[in-house]
Amino acid sequence: MNDIVKVAFSGMTLFTIIFVQQGIRESLFEDSLNFIPRIQDGASEFKQKAWDVYSNLGLTLITTIPMFVPYYFIE
């Protein structure tokens, strides 16, 4: 029974992430088109690439970690 609760909670978390992301995706993308070039103005190519890796890694972690947190901490 405990595994069912973990799977259900993880599934609800994933559903919430997907649902919220669809609602704010366009506005965040539009804002990023202005914001990112402004903060990278005058930065070296290495710094720009480092920002790209940092951003993509952060997005990946924020999207995947909530699915695993309930599984390990709910008992």
PDB file of N, CA and C in Angstrom:
ATOM      1  N   MET A   1       0.822  -1.196   0.000  1.00  0.00           N
ATOM      2  CA  MET A   1       0.000   0.000   0.000  1.00  0.00           C
ATOM      3  C   MET A   1       0.863   1.255   0.000  1.00  0.00           C
ATOM      4  N   ASN A   2       1.966   1.198   0.704  1.00  0.00           N
ATOM      5  CA  ASN A   2       2.854   2.352   0.803  1.00  0.00           C
ATOM      6  C   ASN A   2       3.440   2.714  -0.561  1.00  0.00           C
ATOM      7  N   ASP A   3       3.739   1.730  -1.380  1.00  0.00           N
ATOM      8  CA  ASP A   3       4.264   1.993  -2.719  1.00  0.00           C
ATOM      9  C   ASP A   3       3.229   2.677  -3.601  1.00  0.00           C
ATOM     10  N   ILE A   4       1.964   2.329  -3.414  1.00  0.00           N
ATOM     11  CA  ILE A   4       0.905   2.960  -4.195  1.00  0.00           C
ATOM     12  C   ILE A   4       0.833   4.448  -3.877  1.00  0.00           C
ATOM     13  N   VAL A   5       0.970   4.807  -2.614  1.00  0.00           N
ATOM     14  CA  VAL A   5       0.943   6.214  -2.206  1.00  0.00           C
ATOM     15  C   VAL A   5       2.124   6.956  -2.818  1.00  0.00           C
ATOM     16  N   LYS A   6       3.292   6.349  -2.804  1.00  0.00           N
ATOM     17  CA  LYS A   6       4.486   6.979  -3.380  1.00  0.00           C
ATOM     18  C   LYS A   6       4.311   7.217  -4.877  1.00  0.00           C
ATOM     19  N   VAL A   7       3.824   6.227  -5.572  1.00  0.00           N
ATOM     20  CA  VAL A   7       3.632   6.348  -7.021  1.00  0.00           C
ATOM     21  C   VAL A   7       2.552   7.390  -7.325  1.00  0.00           C
ATOM     22  N   ALA A   8       1.470   7.373  -6.566  1.00  0.00           N
ATOM     23  CA  ALA A   8       0.396   8.344  -6.786  1.00  0.00           C
ATOM     24  C   ALA A   8       0.879   9.764  -6.522  1.00  0.00           C
ATOM     25  N   PHE A   9       1.620   9.960  -5.439  1.00  0.00           N
ATOM     26  CA  PHE A   9       2.124  11.285  -5.112  1.00  0.00           C
ATOM     27  C   PHE A   9       3.123  11.765  -6.165  1.00  0.00           C
ATOM     28  N   SER A  10       3.985  10.883  -6.623  1.00  0.00           N
ATOM     29  CA  SER A  10       4.929  11.242  -7.684  1.00  0.00           C
ATOM     30  C   SER A  10       4.195  11.573  -8.975  1.00  0.00           C
ATOM     31  N   GLY A  11       3.159  10.819  -9.285  1.00  0.00           N
ATOM     32  CA  GLY A  11       2.372  11.087 -10.477  1.00  0.00           C
ATOM     33  C   GLY A  11       1.658  12.430 -10.395  1.00  0.00           C
ATOM     34  N   MET A  12       1.104  12.752  -9.225  1.00  0.00           N
ATOM     35  CA  MET A  12       0.446  14.049  -9.054  1.00  0.00           C
ATOM     36  C   MET A  12       1.450  15.187  -9.183  1.00  0.00           C
ATOM     37  N   THR A  13       2.656  14.984  -8.664  1.00  0.00           N
ATOM     38  CA  THR A  13       3.699  16.003  -8.773  1.00  0.00           C
ATOM     39  C   THR A  13       4.066  16.227 -10.228  1.00  0.00           C
ATOM     40  N   LEU A  14       4.251  15.164 -10.971  1.00  0.00           N
ATOM     41  CA  LEU A  14       4.571  15.268 -12.388  1.00  0.00           C
ATOM     42  C   LEU A  14       3.442  15.972 -13.152  1.00  0.00           C
ATOM     43  N   PHE A  15       2.214  15.603 -12.872  1.00  0.00           N
ATOM     44  CA  PHE A  15       1.067  16.238 -13.521  1.00  0.00           C
ATOM     45  C   PHE A  15       1.038  17.738 -13.221  1.00  0.00           C
ATOM     46  N   THR A  16       1.304  18.109 -11.976  1.00  0.00           N
ATOM     47  CA  THR A  16       1.315  19.521 -11.587  1.00  0.00           C
ATOM     48  C   THR A  16       2.402  20.279 -12.328  1.00  0.00           C
ATOM     49  N   ILE A  17       3.583  19.693 -12.424  1.00  0.00           N
ATOM     50  CA  ILE A  17       4.690  20.341 -13.137  1.00  0.00           C
ATOM     51  C   ILE A  17       4.313  20.562 -14.602  1.00  0.00           C
ATOM     52  N   ILE A  18       3.783  19.551 -15.240  1.00  0.00           N
ATOM     53  CA  ILE A  18       3.424  19.658 -16.654  1.00  0.00           C
ATOM     54  C   ILE A  18       2.304  20.681 -16.847  1.00  0.00           C
ATOM     55  N   PHE A  19       1.299  20.660 -15.983  1.00  0.00           N
ATOM     56  CA  PHE A  19       0.171  21.581 -16.092  1.00  0.00           C
ATOM     57  C   PHE A  19       0.607  23.029 -15.902  1.00  0.00           C
ATOM     58  N   VAL A  20       1.397  23.298 -14.874  1.00  0.00           N
ATOM     59  CA  VAL A  20       1.855  24.663 -14.596  1.00  0.00           C
ATOM     60  C   VAL A  20       2.788  25.143 -15.704  1.00  0.00           C
ATOM     61  N   GLN A  21       3.660  24.275 -16.161  1.00  0.00           N
ATOM     62  CA  GLN A  21       4.614  24.653 -17.203  1.00  0.00           C
ATOM     63  C   GLN A  21       3.902  25.096 -18.478  1.00  0.00           C
ATOM     64  N   GLN A  22       2.825  24.441 -18.836  1.00  0.00           N
ATOM     65  CA  GLN A  22       2.087  24.811 -20.038  1.00  0.00           C
ATOM     66  C   GLN A  22       1.461  26.194 -19.911  1.00  0.00           C
ATOM     67  N   GLY A  23       1.100  26.564 -18.693  1.00  0.00           N
ATOM     68  CA  GLY A  23       0.472  27.851 -18.479  1.00  0.00           C
ATOM     69  C   GLY A  23       1.422  29.034 -18.519  1.00  0.00           C
ATOM     70  N   ILE A  24       2.675  28.808 -18.168  1.00  0.00           N
ATOM     71  CA  ILE A  24       3.627  29.930 -18.092  1.00  0.00           C
ATOM     72  C   ILE A  24       4.731  29.863 -19.138  1.00  0.00           C
ATOM     73  N   ARG A  25       4.717  28.856 -19.946  1.00  0.00           N
ATOM     74  CA  ARG A  25       5.807  28.633 -20.894  1.00  0.00           C
ATOM     75  C   ARG A  25       6.018  29.793 -21.867  1.00  0.00           C
ATOM     76  N   GLU A  26       4.968  30.240 -22.512  1.00  0.00           N
ATOM     77  CA  GLU A  26       5.091  31.299 -23.525  1.00  0.00           C
ATOM     78  C   GLU A  26       5.582  32.609 -22.923  1.00  0.00           C
ATOM     79  N   SER A  27       5.014  33.004 -21.788  1.00  0.00           N
ATOM     80  CA  SER A  27       5.421  34.277 -21.191  1.00  0.00           C
ATOM     81  C   SER A  27       6.870  34.229 -20.723  1.00  0.00           C
ATOM     82  N   LEU A  28       7.300  33.099 -20.187  1.00  0.00           N
ATOM     83  CA  LEU A  28       8.703  32.977 -19.773  1.00  0.00           C
ATOM     84  C   LEU A  28       9.640  33.012 -20.971  1.00  0.00           C
ATOM     85  N   PHE A  29       9.244  32.372 -22.070  1.00  0.00           N
ATOM     86  CA  PHE A  29      10.076  32.377 -23.261  1.00  0.00           C
ATOM     87  C   PHE A  29      10.224  33.792 -23.808  1.00  0.00           C
ATOM     88  N   GLU A  30       9.132  34.526 -23.868  1.00  0.00           N
ATOM     89  CA  GLU A  30       9.181  35.906 -24.360  1.00  0.00           C
ATOM     90  C   GLU A  30      10.076  36.771 -23.479  1.00  0.00           C
ATOM     91  N   ASP A  31       9.961  36.615 -22.173  1.00  0.00           N
ATOM     92  CA  ASP A  31      10.810  37.378 -21.254  1.00  0.00           C
ATOM     93  C   ASP A  31      12.283  36.997 -21.418  1.00  0.00           C
ATOM     94  N   SER A  32      12.551  35.722 -21.644  1.00  0.00           N
ATOM     95  CA  SER A  32      13.939  35.282 -21.767  1.00  0.00           C
ATOM     96  C   SER A  32      14.607  35.834 -23.022  1.00  0.00           C
ATOM     97  N   LEU A  33      13.825  36.070 -24.079  1.00  0.00           N
ATOM     98  CA  LEU A  33      14.409  36.626 -25.301  1.00  0.00           C
ATOM     99  C   LEU A  33      14.995  38.018 -25.069  1.00  0.00           C
ATOM    100  N   ASN A  34      14.462  38.744 -24.115  1.00  0.00           N
ATOM    101  CA  ASN A  34      14.998  40.062 -23.778  1.00  0.00           C
ATOM    102  C   ASN A  34      16.005  40.012 -22.639  1.00  0.00           C
ATOM    103  N   PHE A  35      15.731  39.196 -21.643  1.00  0.00           N
ATOM    104  CA  PHE A  35      16.536  39.176 -20.426  1.00  0.00           C
ATOM    105  C   PHE A  35      17.914  38.548 -20.636  1.00  0.00           C
ATOM    106  N   ILE A  36      17.977  37.410 -21.276  1.00  0.00           N
ATOM    107  CA  ILE A  36      19.248  36.686 -21.413  1.00  0.00           C
ATOM    108  C   ILE A  36      20.280  37.479 -22.209  1.00  0.00           C
ATOM    109  N   PRO A  37      19.955  38.035 -23.366  1.00  0.00           N
ATOM    110  CA  PRO A  37      20.967  38.837 -24.067  1.00  0.00           C
ATOM    111  C   PRO A  37      21.417  40.056 -23.246  1.00  0.00           C
ATOM    112  N   ARG A  38      20.516  40.624 -22.469  1.00  0.00           N
ATOM    113  CA  ARG A  38      20.865  41.790 -21.665  1.00  0.00           C
ATOM    114  C   ARG A  38      21.888  41.436 -20.583  1.00  0.00           C
ATOM    115  N   ILE A  39      21.731  40.271 -19.933  1.00  0.00           N
ATOM    116  CA  ILE A  39      22.688  39.907 -18.877  1.00  0.00           C
ATOM    117  C   ILE A  39      23.986  39.348 -19.460  1.00  0.00           C
ATOM    118  N   GLN A  40      23.947  38.902 -20.714  1.00  0.00           N
ATOM    119  CA  GLN A  40      25.151  38.369 -21.339  1.00  0.00           C
ATOM    120  C   GLN A  40      25.898  39.419 -22.157  1.00  0.00           C
ATOM    121  N   ASP A  41      25.390  40.625 -22.198  1.00  0.00           N
ATOM    122  CA  ASP A  41      26.017  41.684 -22.972  1.00  0.00           C
ATOM    123  C   ASP A  41      27.457  41.908 -22.502  1.00  0.00           C
ATOM    124  N   GLY A  42      28.412  41.756 -23.403  1.00  0.00           N
ATOM    125  CA  GLY A  42      29.822  41.955 -23.081  1.00  0.00           C
ATOM    126  C   GLY A  42      30.505  40.734 -22.471  1.00  0.00           C
ATOM    127  N   ALA A  43      29.772  39.630 -22.290  1.00  0.00           N
ATOM    128  CA  ALA A  43      30.369  38.427 -21.717  1.00  0.00           C
ATOM    129  C   ALA A  43      31.154  37.669 -22.789  1.00  0.00           C
ATOM    130  N   SER A  44      32.174  36.964 -22.334  1.00  0.00           N
ATOM    131  CA  SER A  44      32.976  36.169 -23.263  1.00  0.00           C
ATOM    132  C   SER A  44      32.159  34.975 -23.766  1.00  0.00           C
ATOM    133  N   GLU A  45      32.658  34.328 -24.801  1.00  0.00           N
ATOM    134  CA  GLU A  45      31.968  33.162 -25.349  1.00  0.00           C
ATOM    135  C   GLU A  45      31.904  32.035 -24.318  1.00  0.00           C
ATOM    136  N   PHE A  46      32.982  31.877 -23.531  1.00  0.00           N
ATOM    137  CA  PHE A  46      32.991  30.845 -22.484  1.00  0.00           C
ATOM    138  C   PHE A  46      31.903  31.112 -21.443  1.00  0.00           C
ATOM    139  N   LYS A  47      31.763  32.363 -21.020  1.00  0.00           N
ATOM    140  CA  LYS A  47      30.739  32.702 -20.024  1.00  0.00           C
ATOM    141  C   LYS A  47      29.342  32.464 -20.577  1.00  0.00           C
ATOM    142  N   GLN A  48      29.147  32.766 -21.842  1.00  0.00           N
ATOM    143  CA  GLN A  48      27.839  32.523 -22.452  1.00  0.00           C
ATOM    144  C   GLN A  48      27.534  31.027 -22.510  1.00  0.00           C
ATOM    145  N   LYS A  49      28.539  30.225 -22.852  1.00  0.00           N
ATOM    146  CA  LYS A  49      28.354  28.763 -22.908  1.00  0.00           C
ATOM    147  C   LYS A  49      28.122  28.206 -21.501  1.00  0.00           C
ATOM    148  N   ALA A  50      28.846  28.731 -20.515  1.00  0.00           N
ATOM    149  CA  ALA A  50      28.669  28.287 -19.133  1.00  0.00           C
ATOM    150  C   ALA A  50      27.247  28.598 -18.662  1.00  0.00           C
ATOM    151  N   TRP A  51      26.718  29.755 -19.031  1.00  0.00           N
ATOM    152  CA  TRP A  51      25.347  30.113 -18.678  1.00  0.00           C
ATOM    153  C   TRP A  51      24.358  29.150 -19.329  1.00  0.00           C
ATOM    154  N   ASP A  52      24.596  28.787 -20.567  1.00  0.00           N
ATOM    155  CA  ASP A  52      23.724  27.861 -21.277  1.00  0.00           C
ATOM    156  C   ASP A  52      23.692  26.504 -20.578  1.00  0.00           C
ATOM    157  N   VAL A  53      24.860  25.987 -20.207  1.00  0.00           N
ATOM    158  CA  VAL A  53      24.932  24.692 -19.515  1.00  0.00           C
ATOM    159  C   VAL A  53      24.246  24.782 -18.154  1.00  0.00           C
ATOM    160  N   TYR A  54      24.524  25.855 -17.418  1.00  0.00           N
ATOM    161  CA  TYR A  54      23.920  26.063 -16.097  1.00  0.00           C
ATOM    162  C   TYR A  54      22.394  26.122 -16.200  1.00  0.00           C
ATOM    163  N   SER A  55      21.889  26.845 -17.183  1.00  0.00           N
ATOM    164  CA  SER A  55      20.443  26.979 -17.359  1.00  0.00           C
ATOM    165  C   SER A  55      19.798  25.639 -17.689  1.00  0.00           C
ATOM    166  N   ASN A  56      20.391  24.900 -18.610  1.00  0.00           N
ATOM    167  CA  ASN A  56      19.817  23.615 -19.006  1.00  0.00           C
ATOM    168  C   ASN A  56      19.892  22.593 -17.881  1.00  0.00           C
ATOM    169  N   LEU A  57      20.997  22.593 -17.135  1.00  0.00           N
ATOM    170  CA  LEU A  57      21.122  21.675 -16.005  1.00  0.00           C
ATOM    171  C   LEU A  57      20.084  22.023 -14.942  1.00  0.00           C
ATOM    172  N   GLY A  58      19.920  23.312 -14.674  1.00  0.00           N
ATOM    173  CA  GLY A  58      18.920  23.735 -13.686  1.00  0.00           C
ATOM    174  C   GLY A  58      17.520  23.327 -14.089  1.00  0.00           C
ATOM    175  N   LEU A  59      17.178  23.501 -15.347  1.00  0.00           N
ATOM    176  CA  LEU A  59      15.860  23.113 -15.832  1.00  0.00           C
ATOM    177  C   LEU A  59      15.642  21.612 -15.676  1.00  0.00           C
ATOM    178  N   THR A  60      16.656  20.838 -16.004  1.00  0.00           N
ATOM    179  CA  THR A  60      16.551  19.386 -15.885  1.00  0.00           C
ATOM    180  C   THR A  60      16.343  18.972 -14.432  1.00  0.00           C
ATOM    181  N   LEU A  61      17.107  19.559 -13.520  1.00  0.00           N
ATOM    182  CA  LEU A  61      16.976  19.209 -12.104  1.00  0.00           C
ATOM    183  C   LEU A  61      15.622  19.622 -11.541  1.00  0.00           C
ATOM    184  N   ILE A  62      15.172  20.815 -11.878  1.00  0.00           N
ATOM    185  CA  ILE A  62      13.892  21.295 -11.368  1.00  0.00           C
ATOM    186  C   ILE A  62      12.738  20.434 -11.883  1.00  0.00           C
ATOM    187  N   THR A  63      12.882  19.907 -13.067  1.00  0.00           N
ATOM    188  CA  THR A  63      11.822  19.086 -13.649  1.00  0.00           C
ATOM    189  C   THR A  63      11.828  17.664 -13.089  1.00  0.00           C
ATOM    190  N   THR A  64      12.990  17.106 -12.801  1.00  0.00           N
ATOM    191  CA  THR A  64      13.049  15.700 -12.401  1.00  0.00           C
ATOM    192  C   THR A  64      13.056  15.458 -10.901  1.00  0.00           C
ATOM    193  N   ILE A  65      13.656  16.319 -10.120  1.00  0.00           N
ATOM    194  CA  ILE A  65      13.778  16.075  -8.678  1.00  0.00           C
ATOM    195  C   ILE A  65      12.422  15.917  -7.990  1.00  0.00           C
ATOM    196  N   PRO A  66      11.427  16.763  -8.279  1.00  0.00           N
ATOM    197  CA  PRO A  66      10.141  16.581  -7.575  1.00  0.00           C
ATOM    198  C   PRO A  66       9.511  15.202  -7.762  1.00  0.00           C
ATOM    199  N   MET A  67       9.824  14.510  -8.823  1.00  0.00           N
ATOM    200  CA  MET A  67       9.266  13.176  -9.021  1.00  0.00           C
ATOM    201  C   MET A  67       9.879  12.174  -8.055  1.00  0.00           C
ATOM    202  N   PHE A  68      11.114  12.403  -7.643  1.00  0.00           N
ATOM    203  CA  PHE A  68      11.810  11.437  -6.803  1.00  0.00           C
ATOM    204  C   PHE A  68      11.734  11.770  -5.311  1.00  0.00           C
ATOM    205  N   VAL A  69      11.488  13.003  -4.958  1.00  0.00           N
ATOM    206  CA  VAL A  69      11.441  13.398  -3.554  1.00  0.00           C
ATOM    207  C   VAL A  69      10.377  12.617  -2.788  1.00  0.00           C
ATOM    208  N   PRO A  70       9.152  12.540  -3.256  1.00  0.00           N
ATOM    209  CA  PRO A  70       8.146  11.773  -2.482  1.00  0.00           C
ATOM    210  C   PRO A  70       8.520  10.305  -2.311  1.00  0.00           C
ATOM    211  N   TYR A  71       9.150   9.740  -3.298  1.00  0.00           N
ATOM    212  CA  TYR A  71       9.488   8.319  -3.211  1.00  0.00           C
ATOM    213  C   TYR A  71      10.469   8.048  -2.082  1.00  0.00           C
ATOM    214  N   TYR A  72      11.416   8.945  -1.851  1.00  0.00           N
ATOM    215  CA  TYR A  72      12.428   8.725  -0.831  1.00  0.00           C
ATOM    216  C   TYR A  72      12.058   9.245   0.544  1.00  0.00           C
ATOM    217  N   PHE A  73      11.152  10.208   0.647  1.00  0.00           N
ATOM    218  CA  PHE A  73      10.896  10.821   1.932  1.00  0.00           C
ATOM    219  C   PHE A  73       9.526  10.502   2.541  1.00  0.00           C
ATOM    220  N   ILE A  74       8.630   9.905   1.799  1.00  0.00           N
ATOM    221  CA  ILE A  74       7.335   9.530   2.358  1.00  0.00           C
ATOM    222  C   ILE A  74       7.390   8.063   2.776  1.00  0.00           C
ATOM    223  N   GLU A  75       7.136   7.845   4.018  1.00  0.00           N
ATOM    224  CA  GLU A  75       7.154   6.461   4.495  1.00  0.00           C
ATOM    225  C   GLU A  75       5.982   6.169   5.377  1.00  0.00           C
TER     226      GLU A  75
END
